[in-house]
Protein backbone atom coordinates (compact mmCIF):
# COMPACT_ATOMS: atom_id res chain seq x y z
CA MET A 1 -7.80 -18.47 4.62
CA TYR A 2 -9.67 -17.04 1.65
CA ARG A 3 -12.88 -16.66 3.66
CA LEU A 4 -11.04 -15.12 6.60
CA ILE A 5 -9.64 -12.38 4.36
CA THR A 6 -13.10 -11.79 2.87
CA ILE A 7 -14.62 -11.49 6.36
CA TYR A 8 -11.90 -9.03 7.35
CA GLU A 9 -12.61 -6.97 4.23
CA TRP A 10 -16.25 -6.75 5.29
CA LEU A 11 -15.13 -5.75 8.77
CA LEU A 12 -13.17 -2.86 7.24
CA ILE A 13 -16.19 -1.79 5.21
CA ILE A 14 -18.35 -1.81 8.33
CA TYR A 15 -15.69 0.23 10.13
CA ALA A 16 -15.82 2.81 7.31
CA LEU A 17 -19.61 2.96 7.46
CA LEU A 18 -19.46 3.48 11.25
CA SER A 19 -17.60 6.72 10.64
CA TRP A 20 -20.86 8.18 9.35
CA ALA A 21 -22.57 7.50 12.66
CA PRO A 22 -20.25 8.45 15.56
CA ASP A 23 -22.72 7.13 18.13
CA LEU A 24 -22.43 3.65 16.62
CA ARG A 25 -18.63 3.80 16.62
CA ASN A 26 -18.70 4.56 20.34
CA SER A 27 -20.94 1.59 21.06
CA GLN A 28 -19.60 -1.74 22.34
CA VAL A 29 -19.79 -3.35 18.89
CA GLY A 30 -18.20 -0.28 17.27
CA ARG A 31 -15.27 -0.36 19.71
CA ILE A 32 -14.74 -4.09 19.02
CA ILE A 33 -14.76 -3.48 15.25
CA GLY A 34 -12.31 -0.62 15.77
CA GLN A 35 -9.98 -2.80 17.84
CA LEU A 36 -9.99 -5.46 15.14
CA SER A 37 -9.52 -3.13 12.17
CA ARG A 38 -7.16 -0.39 13.48
CA PRO A 39 -3.99 -2.54 13.69
CA PHE A 40 -4.12 -3.31 9.95
CA LEU A 41 -5.21 0.20 9.01
CA SER A 42 -2.39 1.74 11.03
CA ILE A 43 0.06 0.29 8.47
CA PHE A 44 -1.36 2.71 5.92
CA ASP A 45 -1.74 5.76 8.19
CA ARG A 46 1.68 7.11 7.20
CA LEU A 47 0.75 7.26 3.52
CA PRO A 48 -0.79 10.50 2.17
CA LEU A 49 -4.22 9.04 1.46
CA GLN A 50 -6.38 12.01 2.49
CA PHE A 51 -7.71 14.11 -0.38
CA ALA A 52 -10.28 16.91 -0.17
CA GLY A 53 -11.39 15.84 3.30
CA LEU A 54 -11.83 12.20 2.34
CA ASP A 55 -9.70 9.37 3.73
CA PHE A 56 -8.91 6.59 1.28
CA THR A 57 -6.94 4.47 3.76
CA ILE A 58 -9.61 1.78 3.91
CA VAL A 59 -9.80 1.59 0.12
CA VAL A 60 -6.05 1.01 -0.11
CA ALA A 61 -6.21 -1.50 2.74
CA ILE A 62 -8.92 -3.51 0.96
CA ILE A 63 -6.91 -3.45 -2.28
CA ALA A 64 -3.88 -4.72 -0.35
CA LEU A 65 -5.99 -7.52 1.17
CA ASN A 66 -7.23 -8.46 -2.31
CA CYS A 67 -3.64 -8.65 -3.55
CA ILE A 68 -2.66 -10.82 -0.60
CA GLN A 69 -5.68 -13.02 -1.21
CA ARG A 70 -4.80 -13.48 -4.90
CA LEU A 71 -1.17 -14.19 -4.03
CA LEU A 72 -2.24 -16.89 -1.57
CA LEU A 73 -4.53 -18.41 -4.19
CA MET A 74 -1.67 -18.61 -6.67
CA ILE A 75 0.68 -20.15 -4.11
CA PHE A 76 -1.77 -22.69 -2.72
């Protein structure tokens, strides 16, 4: 489970980097990454996380995943 969360964190980072290259986001791989990451990111879309033209949704999502990961490590 720990590795799965880490892989998903990297997927979110790749999704954020794809925003710098719109052509890559529209590619087949970019669409797959978007389909995998958008459901989790949509949880945070309602929060006011856009400041000065920057979107910090992915940062908050990664922090949430880290908290979940640590909670799972303490439980198991």
